[in-house]
Amino acid sequence: MHRRQLLDLLSRRAAALALAALFAPRAGALGDGEAPPLVDDPFTLGVASGLPRPDSVLLWTRLAPRPHEPGGGLPPLPVTVRWELAEDERFATGRRQGSVSARPEHAHSVHVPVDGLASGRTYFYRFFAGGAASPVGRTRTAPAADAAVERLRLALASCQHYEQGWYAAHREIAARELDLVLFVGDYIYETSRPRERVREHEGPEPVTLDAYRARHATYKLDPDLRAAHAAHPWLLIWDDHEVANDYAGELGSGELDAAAFLRRRSAAYKAYFEHLPVAPVLPTGAGSYRLHGRVAWGRLAEFWLLDGRQFRSPQACNPTGRAGARVLSAAACPDLAAPERSLYGAAQERWLEAGLGTSRAQWKILAQGTQISSSAVETPLGRRVYSDGWDGYPAARERLLGAVAQRELQDVLCLGGDVHRHVAADLRVRPNDPASPVVASEFVCSSVTSRGLSDSLIAMIRSSNPDIAHARSDERGYVLLELTPSGALADFRATPHPVAPQARLHSQARFAVAAGRAGVVRD
């Protein structure tokens, strides 16, 4: 067995152990039992799959006949859930089956890792509980590690504030022929902006586990989001709104004391894992999990799923013990350039650099939460930076892109979200400096629904940053991305804000990256 295959196997075994630990029954919990017949549909939140590997995939559902009620409308007892997976929608060919316990302490959610599957193949799956059957989901395994893949098609999406629009992007994603969906943060929003509201959250800002569970249920009740989950396997990372706006590591913005914020963060993390087809790789301490990981797609591509929230340094020039974003003068905040400040934390930085250096994949894809290229604005009083983005962590950005340059890596593609605008940009070790070579390429997706910046501010960002080839924040949508051995093509799908229930998306712009040549060009 090759060293890389051994490390991948050990990592996946660790993931299974961590998943088992996260969703293990509490001491003294009741034994499993078949659910009595249920009057209401227990599969209101749909089905999902994720983490596609060459021989495995993770299946998810949660039993919740009345998802906004305590316990999802179920009594506090375990329920046995049966699952089936097959090569055809009639479940007649290559059928696999098993059972798992949906336990009340985990909101009756289930995560089923199914292994021993054929690589590069489409599968169908479903669940049964209490005499009811779930919708049928479709998933697929990744190609074999040594497969010469001719094409990878994915949807890149983020920032889906439920109150600020409808999920037309997910309706289109569900209907497309894709290999996977890559969601890069802000799956839920804890905040509300009444002036932007076109539909309502189920309650006030969540702080407790029950409240975060209810918030996730609200989002999953959207039929277009459920359809996108059922149609394709997903890869996911989180950003800030899964917990609280602009939090950094163990720090919130100060409304709660340190201990209370960590309790809130732990509740939000647990609800996140309960409601999505994801698994932590290794527990790293009380209330913390290693979410970042690697997913290969044959020899064509490899994804690094990066966690930019859990281990980041606090934003610069804030009061001691407080996180939060500010617009700062780069000259007036010397802490911005402190070399020890990090978005990923030192351990994750080392892991990423080592992995990039040993990867045999052609396209090296960094899936992370926000825009890496500079979006600072030149003003008569000097350059202004937004402290929560990569401009607020310039030394970390220089380390990241410097490692790419030093190793002379080719075909590094950075994908992000968060900023509510479609962006195509060149990446240099020294941003916007023509003497600094372009070492990587960047595509950032607009939000699914969340409001963007004004046209005037976007114009200032573009004029202040020549590395940005395209930036528009007036429309919502996602990026349709196609990778081949000869290049990458990004189609910025878009529709006006706020997204209407029956909105149709159009192509706002298309940008390409040629294999072996860093930098974006209009297609």
Protein backbone atom coordinates (compact mmCIF):
# COMPACT_ATOMS: atom_id res chain seq x y z
CA MET A 1 0.00 0.00 0.00
CA HIS A 2 1.36 3.45 -0.96
CA ARG A 3 2.03 5.96 1.82
CA ARG A 4 -0.71 8.33 0.59
CA GLN A 5 -3.27 5.51 0.48
CA LEU A 6 -2.26 4.45 4.01
CA LEU A 7 -2.65 8.01 5.33
CA ASP A 8 -6.04 8.31 3.63
CA LEU A 9 -7.17 5.01 5.19
CA LEU A 10 -6.03 6.08 8.65
CA SER A 11 -7.73 9.46 8.26
CA ARG A 12 -11.00 7.82 7.24
CA ARG A 13 -10.84 5.39 10.17
CA ALA A 14 -10.26 8.36 12.46
CA ALA A 15 -13.26 10.07 10.90
CA ALA A 16 -15.42 7.03 11.59
CA LEU A 17 -14.28 6.95 15.22
CA ALA A 18 -14.92 10.67 15.65
CA LEU A 19 -18.35 10.37 14.06
CA ALA A 20 -19.16 7.46 16.35
CA ALA A 21 -17.99 9.48 19.36
CA LEU A 22 -20.03 12.52 18.36
CA PHE A 23 -23.22 10.55 17.86
CA ALA A 24 -22.68 7.81 20.44
CA PRO A 25 -25.50 7.10 22.91
CA ARG A 26 -25.15 8.66 26.31
CA ALA A 27 -24.51 6.45 29.29
CA GLY A 28 -27.75 4.92 30.46
CA ALA A 29 -29.60 5.58 27.19
CA LEU A 30 -32.42 3.25 26.29
CA GLY A 31 -31.83 0.48 23.78
CA ASP A 32 -32.81 0.62 20.14
CA GLY A 33 -36.36 -0.06 19.13
CA GLU A 34 -38.55 -0.17 16.08
CA ALA A 35 -40.66 2.95 15.93
CA PRO A 36 -44.40 2.53 16.13
CA PRO A 37 -46.30 3.59 13.00
CA LEU A 38 -46.08 7.35 12.64
CA VAL A 39 -49.08 9.48 11.79
CA ASP A 40 -46.92 12.20 10.26
CA ASP A 41 -44.08 11.90 7.73
CA PRO A 42 -40.80 11.60 9.70
CA PHE A 43 -38.70 12.59 6.66
CA THR A 44 -39.78 16.23 6.40
CA LEU A 45 -36.15 17.38 6.26
CA GLY A 46 -35.27 15.15 3.33
CA VAL A 47 -32.13 13.14 2.65
CA ALA A 48 -28.56 14.02 1.76
CA SER A 49 -25.18 12.51 0.98
CA GLY A 50 -21.62 13.72 1.21
CA LEU A 51 -17.90 12.97 1.44
CA PRO A 52 -17.71 10.90 -1.76
CA ARG A 53 -14.66 8.63 -1.86
CA PRO A 54 -13.68 6.05 -4.48
CA ASP A 55 -15.29 3.27 -2.44
CA SER A 56 -17.66 5.02 -0.03
CA VAL A 57 -20.17 7.79 0.61
CA LEU A 58 -21.89 9.20 3.70
CA LEU A 59 -25.72 9.11 3.82
CA TRP A 60 -27.81 11.40 6.06
CA THR A 61 -31.34 11.97 7.25
CA ARG A 62 -33.10 13.20 10.36
CA LEU A 63 -36.46 12.00 11.68
CA ALA A 64 -38.61 15.02 12.47
CA PRO A 65 -42.33 14.74 11.72
CA ARG A 66 -42.88 18.16 13.36
CA PRO A 67 -39.38 19.66 13.18
CA HIS A 68 -40.08 22.90 15.07
CA GLU A 69 -41.48 21.12 18.09
CA PRO A 70 -39.25 19.82 20.91
CA GLY A 71 -37.67 16.55 19.82
CA GLY A 72 -38.87 17.13 16.27
CA GLY A 73 -42.27 15.82 17.27
CA LEU A 74 -40.91 12.44 18.41
CA PRO A 75 -40.79 11.02 21.95
CA PRO A 76 -37.37 10.87 23.62
CA LEU A 77 -36.73 7.27 22.53
CA PRO A 78 -34.35 5.70 20.00
CA VAL A 79 -35.80 4.72 16.64
CA THR A 80 -34.38 2.11 14.29
CA VAL A 81 -33.93 3.45 10.77
CA ARG A 82 -33.38 1.11 7.85
CA TRP A 83 -31.42 2.24 4.81
CA GLU A 84 -31.03 0.92 1.30
CA LEU A 85 -28.56 1.78 -1.46
CA ALA A 86 -28.60 0.41 -5.01
CA GLU A 87 -27.37 1.05 -8.52
CA ASP A 88 -30.85 1.80 -9.89
CA GLU A 89 -33.89 3.78 -8.77
CA ARG A 90 -35.97 0.60 -8.44
CA PHE A 91 -33.42 -0.81 -5.96
CA ALA A 92 -33.19 -4.01 -7.97
CA THR A 93 -29.47 -4.02 -8.84
CA GLY A 94 -26.57 -4.20 -6.40
CA ARG A 95 -28.77 -3.46 -3.40
CA ARG A 96 -27.08 -2.85 -0.05
CA GLN A 97 -29.03 -2.43 3.19
CA GLY A 98 -28.64 -2.04 6.91
CA SER A 99 -30.02 -0.33 9.98
CA VAL A 100 -28.91 2.41 12.34
CA SER A 101 -30.26 3.92 15.54
CA ALA A 102 -31.65 7.45 15.42
CA ARG A 103 -31.22 8.69 18.97
CA PRO A 104 -33.03 11.54 20.70
CA GLU A 105 -29.85 13.08 22.13
CA HIS A 106 -28.78 13.68 18.50
CA ALA A 107 -32.14 14.98 17.29
CA HIS A 108 -32.89 11.57 15.72
CA SER A 109 -30.33 12.27 12.99
CA VAL A 110 -28.42 9.44 11.34
CA HIS A 111 -25.12 9.34 9.45
CA VAL A 112 -24.46 6.13 7.52
CA PRO A 113 -20.99 5.60 6.02
CA VAL A 114 -21.46 3.01 3.25
CA ASP A 115 -18.20 1.49 2.01
CA GLY A 116 -17.16 -1.26 -0.37
CA LEU A 117 -18.71 0.58 -3.33
CA ALA A 118 -17.50 0.77 -6.92
CA SER A 119 -15.62 3.92 -7.87
CA GLY A 120 -17.02 6.59 -10.19
CA ARG A 121 -20.55 5.23 -10.08
CA THR A 122 -24.01 6.67 -9.45
CA TYR A 123 -26.07 5.17 -6.62
CA PHE A 124 -29.58 5.69 -5.25
CA TYR A 125 -30.54 5.50 -1.58
CA ARG A 126 -33.51 5.77 0.78
CA PHE A 127 -34.50 5.31 4.43
CA PHE A 128 -37.41 3.66 6.26
CA ALA A 129 -38.75 4.32 9.76
CA GLY A 130 -42.07 3.82 11.51
CA GLY A 131 -43.71 2.44 8.39
CA ALA A 132 -42.71 5.48 6.31
CA ALA A 133 -40.27 5.75 3.42
CA SER A 134 -38.02 8.72 2.68
CA PRO A 135 -37.61 10.37 -0.71
CA VAL A 136 -35.04 8.68 -2.93
CA GLY A 137 -31.66 10.38 -3.08
CA ARG A 138 -29.01 10.11 -5.77
CA THR A 139 -25.30 10.13 -5.02
CA ARG A 140 -22.04 9.03 -6.59
CA THR A 141 -18.64 7.80 -5.57
CA ALA A 142 -15.41 9.54 -6.55
CA PRO A 143 -13.29 8.06 -9.34
CA ALA A 144 -10.50 5.67 -8.45
CA ALA A 145 -7.37 7.35 -7.15
CA ASP A 146 -5.41 6.57 -10.33
CA ALA A 147 -8.27 7.27 -12.76
CA ALA A 148 -7.61 9.63 -15.67
CA VAL A 149 -10.77 11.72 -15.28
CA GLU A 150 -11.83 13.76 -18.29
CA ARG A 151 -14.27 16.12 -16.57
CA LEU A 152 -15.44 17.25 -13.14
CA ARG A 153 -18.56 19.44 -12.91
CA LEU A 154 -19.53 21.07 -9.63
CA ALA A 155 -21.64 23.87 -8.22
CA LEU A 156 -19.97 26.35 -5.85
CA ALA A 157 -22.39 28.06 -3.45
CA SER A 158 -22.58 29.91 -0.12
CA CYS A 159 -24.53 32.44 1.96
CA GLN A 160 -28.18 31.42 1.83
CA HIS A 161 -29.97 33.79 4.23
CA TYR A 162 -33.46 32.29 4.41
CA GLU A 163 -35.21 35.59 5.04
CA GLN A 164 -33.59 37.49 2.17
CA GLY A 165 -34.76 35.47 -0.83
CA TRP A 166 -35.83 32.17 -2.34
CA TYR A 167 -33.59 29.29 -3.31
CA ALA A 168 -33.86 29.44 -7.10
CA ALA A 169 -30.13 28.67 -7.26
CA HIS A 170 -30.72 25.34 -5.54
CA ARG A 171 -33.60 24.55 -7.87
CA GLU A 172 -31.25 24.98 -10.83
CA ILE A 173 -28.46 23.05 -9.09
CA ALA A 174 -30.83 20.14 -8.43
CA ALA A 175 -31.76 19.94 -12.13
CA ARG A 176 -28.18 19.97 -13.46
CA GLU A 177 -25.95 17.02 -14.21
CA LEU A 178 -23.20 17.54 -11.64
CA ASP A 179 -20.63 15.42 -9.88
CA LEU A 180 -20.95 17.28 -6.60
CA VAL A 181 -21.94 20.48 -4.80
CA LEU A 182 -19.31 22.45 -2.89
CA PHE A 183 -20.84 24.69 -0.21
CA VAL A 184 -18.33 27.05 1.39
CA GLY A 185 -20.13 28.53 4.37
CA ASP A 186 -23.10 30.38 5.90
CA TYR A 187 -25.47 27.48 5.44
CA ILE A 188 -27.77 29.07 8.02
CA TYR A 189 -27.93 32.61 9.35
CA GLU A 190 -28.44 33.34 13.02
CA THR A 191 -29.22 37.02 12.38
CA SER A 192 -32.22 38.80 10.93
CA ARG A 193 -32.50 42.07 8.96
CA PRO A 194 -36.18 43.08 8.88
CA ARG A 195 -35.66 45.52 5.99
CA GLU A 196 -34.45 42.66 3.76
CA ARG A 197 -37.08 40.13 4.83
CA VAL A 198 -39.20 38.36 2.22
CA ARG A 199 -39.96 35.35 4.46
CA GLU A 200 -39.36 34.75 8.16
CA HIS A 201 -37.19 32.61 10.36
CA GLU A 202 -39.00 30.45 12.88
CA GLY A 203 -37.84 32.43 15.91
CA PRO A 204 -35.32 34.86 17.42
CA GLU A 205 -31.54 34.56 17.13
CA PRO A 206 -30.47 31.07 18.27
CA VAL A 207 -28.16 30.56 21.23
CA THR A 208 -29.13 27.12 22.54
CA LEU A 209 -28.91 23.70 20.92
CA ASP A 210 -32.69 23.45 20.52
CA ALA A 211 -32.77 26.87 18.85
CA TYR A 212 -29.99 25.98 16.40
CA ARG A 213 -31.79 22.73 15.59
CA ALA A 214 -34.95 24.70 14.83
CA ARG A 215 -32.99 27.10 12.62
CA HIS A 216 -31.48 24.25 10.60
CA ALA A 217 -34.93 22.71 10.27
CA THR A 218 -36.32 25.95 8.83
CA TYR A 219 -33.70 25.89 6.09
CA LYS A 220 -34.13 22.19 5.34
CA LEU A 221 -37.90 22.66 4.97
CA ASP A 222 -37.25 24.64 1.78
CA PRO A 223 -38.09 22.23 -1.09
CA ASP A 224 -35.42 23.54 -3.46
CA LEU A 225 -32.65 23.08 -0.89
CA ARG A 226 -33.90 19.55 -0.14
CA ALA A 227 -33.94 18.79 -3.87
CA ALA A 228 -30.32 19.93 -4.31
CA HIS A 229 -29.25 17.71 -1.42
CA ALA A 230 -31.14 14.72 -2.81
CA ALA A 231 -29.72 15.17 -6.32
CA HIS A 232 -25.96 15.29 -5.63
CA PRO A 233 -23.32 14.50 -3.00
CA TRP A 234 -22.10 17.60 -1.13
CA LEU A 235 -18.80 18.78 0.30
CA LEU A 236 -19.24 21.44 2.98
CA ILE A 237 -17.26 23.79 5.17
CA TRP A 238 -18.58 26.40 7.58
CA ASP A 239 -18.05 30.13 8.03
CA ASP A 240 -19.32 32.44 10.76
CA HIS A 241 -23.13 32.53 10.54
CA GLU A 242 -23.42 28.85 11.42
CA VAL A 243 -22.55 30.14 14.91
CA ALA A 244 -22.44 33.96 15.20
CA ASN A 245 -21.47 36.82 12.93
CA ASP A 246 -17.70 37.41 12.64
CA TYR A 247 -16.71 35.16 15.52
CA ALA A 248 -13.04 34.17 15.66
CA GLY A 249 -11.91 30.94 17.28
CA GLU A 250 -13.16 30.95 20.86
CA LEU A 251 -14.22 34.60 20.85
CA GLY A 252 -17.58 36.17 20.13
CA SER A 253 -18.36 39.84 19.75
CA GLY A 254 -18.84 40.42 23.48
CA GLU A 255 -22.57 39.98 24.07
CA LEU A 256 -21.78 36.77 25.98
CA ASP A 257 -18.94 36.09 28.38
CA ALA A 258 -16.22 33.69 27.21
CA ALA A 259 -17.70 30.58 28.82
CA ALA A 260 -21.21 31.33 27.55
CA PHE A 261 -19.95 31.92 24.02
CA LEU A 262 -18.13 28.57 24.01
CA ARG A 263 -21.36 26.89 25.12
CA ARG A 264 -23.14 28.63 22.26
CA ARG A 265 -20.44 27.60 19.77
CA SER A 266 -20.58 23.99 20.97
CA ALA A 267 -24.37 23.94 20.54
CA ALA A 268 -24.10 25.40 17.04
CA TYR A 269 -21.40 22.91 16.01
CA LYS A 270 -23.45 19.97 17.25
CA ALA A 271 -26.54 21.14 15.38
CA TYR A 272 -24.43 21.60 12.24
CA PHE A 273 -23.15 18.01 12.38
CA GLU A 274 -26.63 16.72 13.17
CA HIS A 275 -28.16 18.29 10.07
CA LEU A 276 -25.54 17.80 7.35
CA PRO A 277 -23.70 14.92 5.64
CA VAL A 278 -20.38 15.83 7.24
CA ALA A 279 -18.16 14.27 9.87
CA PRO A 280 -15.34 15.68 11.97
CA VAL A 281 -12.03 13.99 11.25
CA LEU A 282 -10.67 14.06 14.80
CA PRO A 283 -11.86 15.64 18.04
CA THR A 284 -9.36 18.32 19.05
CA GLY A 285 -10.68 19.24 22.47
CA ALA A 286 -13.85 20.13 24.34
CA GLY A 287 -16.34 21.56 21.87
CA SER A 288 -13.83 21.59 18.99
CA TYR A 289 -13.55 19.31 15.97
CA ARG A 290 -11.18 19.03 13.05
CA LEU A 291 -13.49 19.64 10.12
CA HIS A 292 -10.82 20.23 7.47
CA GLY A 293 -9.90 17.38 5.18
CA ARG A 294 -8.90 16.24 1.68
CA VAL A 295 -11.07 14.70 -1.04
CA ALA A 296 -9.53 13.45 -4.29
CA TRP A 297 -11.26 13.15 -7.68
CA GLY A 298 -9.03 10.72 -9.54
CA ARG A 299 -5.85 12.23 -10.95
CA LEU A 300 -7.76 15.29 -12.16
CA ALA A 301 -8.42 17.17 -8.91
CA GLU A 302 -8.01 17.22 -5.17
CA PHE A 303 -9.98 19.36 -2.72
CA TRP A 304 -8.65 20.82 0.51
CA LEU A 305 -11.67 21.64 2.70
CA LEU A 306 -10.46 24.41 4.99
CA ASP A 307 -11.80 25.67 8.32
CA GLY A 308 -11.29 29.42 8.55
CA ARG A 309 -13.25 30.05 11.77
CA GLN A 310 -12.52 27.57 14.50
CA PHE A 311 -8.79 28.24 14.86
CA ARG A 312 -8.36 31.78 13.51
CA SER A 313 -6.66 34.61 15.36
CA PRO A 314 -8.96 37.43 16.53
CA GLN A 315 -9.43 40.27 14.08
CA ALA A 316 -6.74 42.94 14.44
CA CYS A 317 -7.02 46.04 16.65
CA ASN A 318 -10.13 44.88 18.50
CA PRO A 319 -10.63 45.29 22.24
CA THR A 320 -8.97 42.48 24.17
CA GLY A 321 -11.11 39.36 24.31
CA ARG A 322 -13.47 40.42 21.53
CA ALA A 323 -13.94 39.27 17.96
CA GLY A 324 -15.68 41.24 15.24
CA ALA A 325 -15.09 42.89 11.89
CA ARG A 326 -14.16 46.52 11.33
CA VAL A 327 -13.02 48.71 8.46
CA LEU A 328 -9.47 49.75 9.38
CA SER A 329 -6.73 51.98 8.12
CA ALA A 330 -3.88 49.67 7.18
CA ALA A 331 -1.38 52.30 8.31
CA ALA A 332 -3.08 52.89 11.67
CA CYS A 333 -3.30 49.23 12.71
CA PRO A 334 0.19 47.70 12.91
CA ASP A 335 -1.26 44.50 14.39
CA LEU A 336 -2.62 43.66 10.94
CA ALA A 337 0.84 42.64 9.78
CA ALA A 338 1.79 40.61 12.86
CA PRO A 339 3.38 37.44 11.46
CA GLU A 340 1.82 35.08 13.99
CA ARG A 341 -1.75 35.98 13.04
CA SER A 342 -3.55 33.20 11.14
CA LEU A 343 -6.89 32.39 9.55
CA TYR A 344 -6.42 28.63 9.79
CA GLY A 345 -4.24 28.21 12.85
CA ALA A 346 -0.64 26.98 12.70
CA ALA A 347 -1.49 23.26 12.63
CA GLN A 348 -3.93 23.58 9.73
CA GLU A 349 -1.47 25.80 7.82
CA ARG A 350 1.25 23.16 8.15
CA TRP A 351 -1.15 20.40 7.09
CA LEU A 352 -2.21 22.36 4.00
CA GLU A 353 1.32 23.23 2.91
CA ALA A 354 2.50 19.65 3.33
CA GLY A 355 -0.49 18.30 1.43
CA LEU A 356 -0.11 20.69 -1.47
CA GLY A 357 3.55 19.77 -1.76
CA THR A 358 2.83 16.03 -2.02
CA SER A 359 -0.38 16.09 -4.10
CA ARG A 360 -0.30 14.21 -7.40
CA ALA A 361 -3.56 15.71 -8.63
CA GLN A 362 -3.50 18.16 -11.51
CA TRP A 363 -5.97 20.70 -10.08
CA LYS A 364 -5.31 21.61 -6.47
CA ILE A 365 -8.52 23.17 -5.17
CA LEU A 366 -8.55 25.22 -1.97
CA ALA A 367 -12.15 25.32 -0.76
CA GLN A 368 -12.35 28.02 1.90
CA GLY A 369 -14.77 30.58 3.21
CA THR A 370 -14.02 33.93 1.62
CA GLN A 371 -12.17 36.00 -1.01
CA ILE A 372 -8.37 35.65 -0.89
CA SER A 373 -7.51 38.41 -3.39
CA SER A 374 -7.40 41.88 -1.91
CA SER A 375 -10.61 43.92 -1.78
CA ALA A 376 -9.21 46.85 0.21
CA VAL A 377 -10.16 50.34 -0.97
CA GLU A 378 -7.90 53.29 -1.68
CA THR A 379 -9.15 56.52 -0.09
CA PRO A 380 -7.68 60.03 0.32
CA LEU A 381 -6.82 58.98 3.88
CA GLY A 382 -5.07 55.77 2.87
CA ARG A 383 -5.97 52.17 2.12
CA ARG A 384 -8.92 50.78 4.09
CA VAL A 385 -9.24 47.06 4.81
CA TYR A 386 -12.04 44.88 6.12
CA SER A 387 -10.53 43.14 9.12
CA ASP A 388 -12.51 39.90 8.92
CA GLY A 389 -11.33 38.99 5.41
CA TRP A 390 -7.92 37.96 4.08
CA ASP A 391 -6.89 41.63 3.96
CA GLY A 392 -7.07 41.46 7.75
CA TYR A 393 -4.56 38.58 7.77
CA PRO A 394 -1.90 39.66 5.23
CA ALA A 395 0.94 37.60 6.72
CA ALA A 396 -1.17 34.44 6.55
CA ARG A 397 -2.06 35.18 2.93
CA GLU A 398 1.61 35.72 2.08
CA ARG A 399 2.53 32.40 3.72
CA LEU A 400 -0.19 30.58 1.78
CA LEU A 401 0.64 32.00 -1.64
CA GLY A 402 4.35 32.05 -0.88
CA ALA A 403 4.25 28.29 -0.33
CA VAL A 404 2.57 27.88 -3.73
CA ALA A 405 5.25 30.03 -5.36
CA GLN A 406 8.19 28.44 -3.56
CA ARG A 407 7.12 24.93 -4.53
CA GLU A 408 6.33 26.11 -8.08
CA LEU A 409 2.92 24.47 -7.90
CA GLN A 410 0.76 24.62 -10.98
CA ASP A 411 -3.03 24.64 -11.38
CA VAL A 412 -3.85 25.90 -7.89
CA LEU A 413 -7.46 27.07 -7.86
CA CYS A 414 -8.90 28.90 -4.84
CA LEU A 415 -12.67 28.82 -4.37
CA GLY A 416 -14.54 30.98 -1.85
CA GLY A 417 -17.78 32.66 -0.86
CA ASP A 418 -18.87 34.95 2.01
CA VAL A 419 -18.57 38.32 0.23
CA HIS A 420 -21.89 38.15 -1.65
CA ARG A 421 -20.37 38.85 -5.05
CA HIS A 422 -19.13 36.93 -8.05
CA VAL A 423 -15.37 37.39 -8.36
CA ALA A 424 -12.69 36.21 -10.76
CA ALA A 425 -9.16 37.21 -9.75
CA ASP A 426 -5.46 36.56 -10.08
CA LEU A 427 -3.53 35.66 -6.93
CA ARG A 428 0.00 36.94 -6.23
CA VAL A 429 2.24 36.75 -3.17
CA ARG A 430 2.13 40.56 -3.14
CA PRO A 431 -1.41 41.56 -4.16
CA ASN A 432 -1.80 43.93 -7.11
CA ASP A 433 1.97 44.19 -7.63
CA PRO A 434 2.78 43.50 -11.30
CA ALA A 435 6.34 42.62 -10.29
CA SER A 436 4.95 39.72 -8.22
CA PRO A 437 4.04 36.80 -10.55
CA VAL A 438 0.53 35.34 -10.62
CA VAL A 439 0.79 32.01 -8.79
CA ALA A 440 -2.85 30.88 -8.49
CA SER A 441 -6.36 31.64 -9.71
CA GLU A 442 -9.53 32.49 -7.78
CA PHE A 443 -13.27 32.16 -8.28
CA VAL A 444 -15.68 33.40 -5.61
CA CYS A 445 -19.41 32.76 -5.73
CA SER A 446 -22.06 35.33 -5.01
CA SER A 447 -24.61 34.52 -2.32
CA VAL A 448 -27.57 32.24 -2.90
CA THR A 449 -29.81 34.97 -1.42
CA SER A 450 -27.93 37.34 0.93
CA ARG A 451 -27.77 41.02 -0.03
CA GLY A 452 -24.55 42.34 -1.58
CA LEU A 453 -22.65 45.63 -1.55
CA SER A 454 -23.66 48.75 -3.44
CA ASP A 455 -22.54 49.31 -7.03
CA SER A 456 -20.48 52.33 -5.99
CA LEU A 457 -18.52 50.40 -3.38
CA ILE A 458 -17.92 47.51 -5.79
CA ALA A 459 -16.60 50.03 -8.34
CA MET A 460 -14.15 51.33 -5.71
CA ILE A 461 -13.03 47.79 -4.92
CA ARG A 462 -12.40 47.02 -8.59
CA SER A 463 -10.50 50.25 -9.25
CA SER A 464 -8.36 49.74 -6.13
CA ASN A 465 -7.43 46.15 -6.97
CA PRO A 466 -6.25 45.45 -10.52
CA ASP A 467 -5.88 41.74 -9.71
CA ILE A 468 -9.69 41.51 -9.78
CA ALA A 469 -10.85 40.77 -13.33
CA HIS A 470 -14.54 40.59 -12.43
CA ALA A 471 -16.66 41.59 -9.43
CA ARG A 472 -20.42 42.11 -9.27
CA SER A 473 -22.51 42.21 -6.12
CA ASP A 474 -25.92 43.24 -7.47
CA GLU A 475 -27.02 39.69 -8.33
CA ARG A 476 -27.38 36.45 -6.42
CA GLY A 477 -26.49 32.95 -7.58
CA TYR A 478 -23.74 30.34 -7.68
CA VAL A 479 -20.78 29.30 -9.84
CA LEU A 480 -21.03 26.40 -12.26
CA LEU A 481 -17.47 25.10 -12.55
CA GLU A 482 -16.07 22.60 -15.02
CA LEU A 483 -12.56 21.16 -14.74
CA THR A 484 -10.80 19.22 -17.48
CA PRO A 485 -7.15 18.36 -18.08
CA SER A 486 -6.91 21.38 -20.41
CA GLY A 487 -8.46 24.02 -18.15
CA ALA A 488 -11.10 25.31 -15.75
CA LEU A 489 -14.25 27.16 -16.80
CA ALA A 490 -16.43 29.15 -14.38
CA ASP A 491 -19.95 30.21 -15.35
CA PHE A 492 -21.25 32.84 -12.92
CA ARG A 493 -24.96 32.03 -12.67
CA ALA A 494 -27.02 34.98 -11.44
CA THR A 495 -30.44 36.53 -10.82
CA PRO A 496 -31.44 39.94 -9.35
CA HIS A 497 -31.82 40.58 -5.62
CA PRO A 498 -34.06 39.71 -3.87
CA VAL A 499 -34.45 36.29 -5.43
CA ALA A 500 -38.07 35.74 -6.43
CA PRO A 501 -39.80 32.37 -5.89
CA GLN A 502 -39.84 31.53 -9.62
CA ALA A 503 -36.61 33.32 -10.58
CA ARG A 504 -34.55 32.03 -13.49
CA LEU A 505 -30.79 32.41 -13.55
CA HIS A 506 -28.63 33.63 -16.41
CA SER A 507 -24.92 33.64 -17.18
CA GLN A 508 -23.51 36.88 -15.75
CA ALA A 509 -19.99 36.17 -17.03
CA ARG A 510 -17.68 33.26 -17.86
CA PHE A 511 -13.99 33.05 -16.98
CA ALA A 512 -11.40 30.41 -17.74
CA VAL A 513 -8.02 29.26 -16.43
CA ALA A 514 -5.71 27.43 -18.81
CA ALA A 515 -3.91 24.38 -17.51
CA GLY A 516 -0.34 25.17 -16.57
CA ARG A 517 -0.89 28.94 -16.59
CA ALA A 518 -2.11 30.74 -13.47
CA GLY A 519 -4.54 33.60 -13.94
CA VAL A 520 -8.12 34.14 -15.08
CA VAL A 521 -9.22 35.21 -18.55
CA ARG A 522 -12.68 36.11 -19.81
CA ASP A 523 -14.16 33.29 -21.87
